[in-house]
Protein backbone atom coordinates (compact mmCIF):
# COMPACT_ATOMS: atom_id res chain seq x y z
CA MET A 1 15.86 19.43 -14.01
CA GLY A 2 15.38 16.49 -11.69
CA LYS A 3 16.01 12.72 -12.31
CA LEU A 4 13.84 10.63 -14.52
CA LEU A 5 12.29 7.07 -13.84
CA LEU A 6 11.44 5.56 -17.30
CA ASP A 7 8.70 2.91 -17.74
CA THR A 8 10.11 0.83 -20.66
CA GLU A 9 6.89 -0.79 -21.21
CA SER A 10 4.65 2.54 -21.66
CA GLY A 11 7.58 4.79 -22.70
CA GLN A 12 6.18 7.11 -19.98
CA SER A 13 8.83 8.91 -17.55
CA HIS A 14 8.22 10.36 -14.25
CA MET A 15 10.21 13.12 -12.45
CA VAL A 16 11.93 11.74 -9.31
CA GLU A 17 13.18 13.98 -6.63
CA ILE A 18 15.51 12.56 -4.02
CA TYR A 19 16.07 13.91 -0.44
CA GLU A 20 17.75 12.99 2.71
CA HIS A 21 15.86 11.75 5.92
CA ASP A 22 12.64 13.50 6.47
CA SER A 23 12.25 13.77 10.28
CA GLU A 24 8.51 14.47 9.79
CA LEU A 25 7.53 11.41 7.68
CA ALA A 26 6.70 8.89 10.29
CA ALA A 27 4.41 11.40 11.95
CA ALA A 28 2.59 11.82 8.65
CA PHE A 29 2.26 8.11 8.23
CA GLN A 30 0.96 7.87 11.78
CA TYR A 31 -1.58 10.47 11.04
CA ALA A 32 -2.56 9.13 7.85
CA GLY A 33 -3.36 5.55 8.84
CA SER A 34 -3.21 2.62 11.34
CA PHE A 35 0.26 1.58 11.43
CA THR A 36 2.00 -0.54 14.30
CA LEU A 37 4.70 1.11 16.44
CA GLU A 38 7.31 -1.30 14.68
CA GLU A 39 6.08 -0.19 11.26
CA LEU A 40 6.38 3.57 12.27
CA GLU A 41 9.65 2.84 13.89
CA VAL A 42 11.13 1.50 10.46
CA ILE A 43 9.66 4.45 8.71
CA GLU A 44 11.42 6.85 11.20
CA SER A 45 14.66 4.87 10.43
CA HIS A 46 14.64 5.58 6.66
CA GLN A 47 17.65 7.29 5.17
CA THR A 48 16.38 8.57 1.94
CA THR A 49 13.05 10.16 0.74
CA VAL A 50 12.00 9.92 -2.97
CA TYR A 51 9.23 11.92 -4.60
CA LEU A 52 7.63 10.40 -7.66
CA LEU A 53 5.78 13.22 -9.57
CA ALA A 54 3.48 11.88 -12.08
CA PRO A 55 -0.02 12.72 -13.83
CA VAL A 56 -2.56 10.35 -13.03
CA GLY A 57 -5.54 11.81 -14.66
CA GLN A 58 -6.00 8.83 -17.26
CA PHE A 59 -6.20 5.12 -16.45
CA ASN A 60 -2.99 4.36 -18.05
CA GLN A 61 -1.06 6.96 -16.20
CA VAL A 62 -2.39 5.27 -12.96
CA GLN A 63 -1.06 1.89 -14.22
CA THR A 64 2.34 3.34 -15.09
CA PHE A 65 2.46 5.17 -11.72
CA ASN A 66 1.61 1.88 -9.75
CA ARG A 67 4.45 -0.02 -11.86
CA ALA A 68 6.84 2.89 -10.80
CA VAL A 69 5.88 2.67 -7.04
CA GLY A 70 6.51 -1.19 -7.42
CA VAL A 71 9.94 -0.61 -8.73
CA LEU A 72 10.63 1.68 -5.89
CA LEU A 73 9.38 -0.63 -3.10
CA ARG A 74 11.51 -3.54 -4.73
CA ALA A 75 14.48 -1.40 -4.55
CA SER A 76 14.27 -1.53 -0.69
CA GLY A 77 11.41 1.19 -0.41
CA ILE A 78 9.63 0.81 2.76
CA ALA A 79 6.31 2.70 2.62
CA VAL A 80 4.41 4.79 0.04
CA LYS A 81 2.74 7.88 0.65
CA VAL A 82 0.35 9.31 -2.01
CA GLU A 83 -0.44 13.07 -2.32
CA SER A 84 -2.28 14.87 -4.78
CA SER A 85 -2.90 18.44 -5.58
């Protein structure tokens, strides 16, 4: 079982997976949008990749997910890449 990030306001938790540097991450951001060379260099220099796994089928789940993303960014996160399946 992975680690959990708990939203104390809603009581919802999200599974978190933590990995080392992802050598393909900067290329994924370059492909996904318009980033400056400096921004891509910062992304390339990242040390850790955190995956936040969360259902977002309902509006309150999206709100909770957004708060969790904010927490990760305030904890020295440098970028957010959203994927859905």
